[in-house]
Amino acid sequence: MQKNIIKQTESFVYEQLKSDASGHDWFHIDRVRKLALHIAREENKGNEFIIEMASLLHDIPDDKLNDHAELGWNKLDEWFRETGLDLDTIQDIKQIVSTISYSSGEKSLPSIEAEIVQDADRLDAIGAIGIARTFAYGGKKGQPMYDPALKVREDMTKQEYRMGKSSSIHHFYEKLLRLQELLNTDTAKKIASERHEYMVRFLEEFYKEWDVRL
């Protein structure tokens, strides 16, 4: 039964996100799912079905991808009614989805499954893929690639984080370069080390090319 639910969920999520151009498309979901399962197996922790379902569904109610958050949660609840999953399992998955995002500001997570899915999602936000996703999302929002006149924002509310004036390069300092220190599992930390260093090298090269002095 679980395999059938996973297959149905894959099809549902693919249809919802296949046309996304902000870096939150089906391929992002699939990478997060694979990373999360890899972490779970390396750590030998967590319920793999819960982890896989939460990974697949984690962006469905995201307010970045819906007109408003309530609409996204209604969409997710409608899907759960179709799956026939028991209420405890649904609650476990929804709790993960509601707490793992960076913008949620949650400091402590409810379960090892939540920690693993959060790590996988954050790993996909850094490194070469993270760089590409950052510029895709910035372009989608109409943000500049870089504006030296802007300051890096430090303490922000969720609203300020979402709507304030920033640039794709500033996003590295406001979020991406912080993620390595916020990971939960040893497996994720090992993967993050190389990806973090790649972003640092990218920024060094970016500034060198930005300030052209031939």
Foldseek 3Di string as FASTA:
>chain_A
DLVVLLVVLLVVLQVLFVPDQLLPHSVLLVQLLVQLVVQCVVVVDDDNSLLNNLSSLLCQQPCVSDVGNVVSVVVVVVSVVVSPDDPVSVVSSVQLSQALDPQSVDQDGDDVSSLSSSLSSLLCCFAPNVLVSLQSNQVVVVAAQDDVVDDQDEDDHSCCVVDPHDHSVSVCVRPNLCVLVRHDDPVSNVSVVVRNVNVVVVVVVVVPVVPDDD
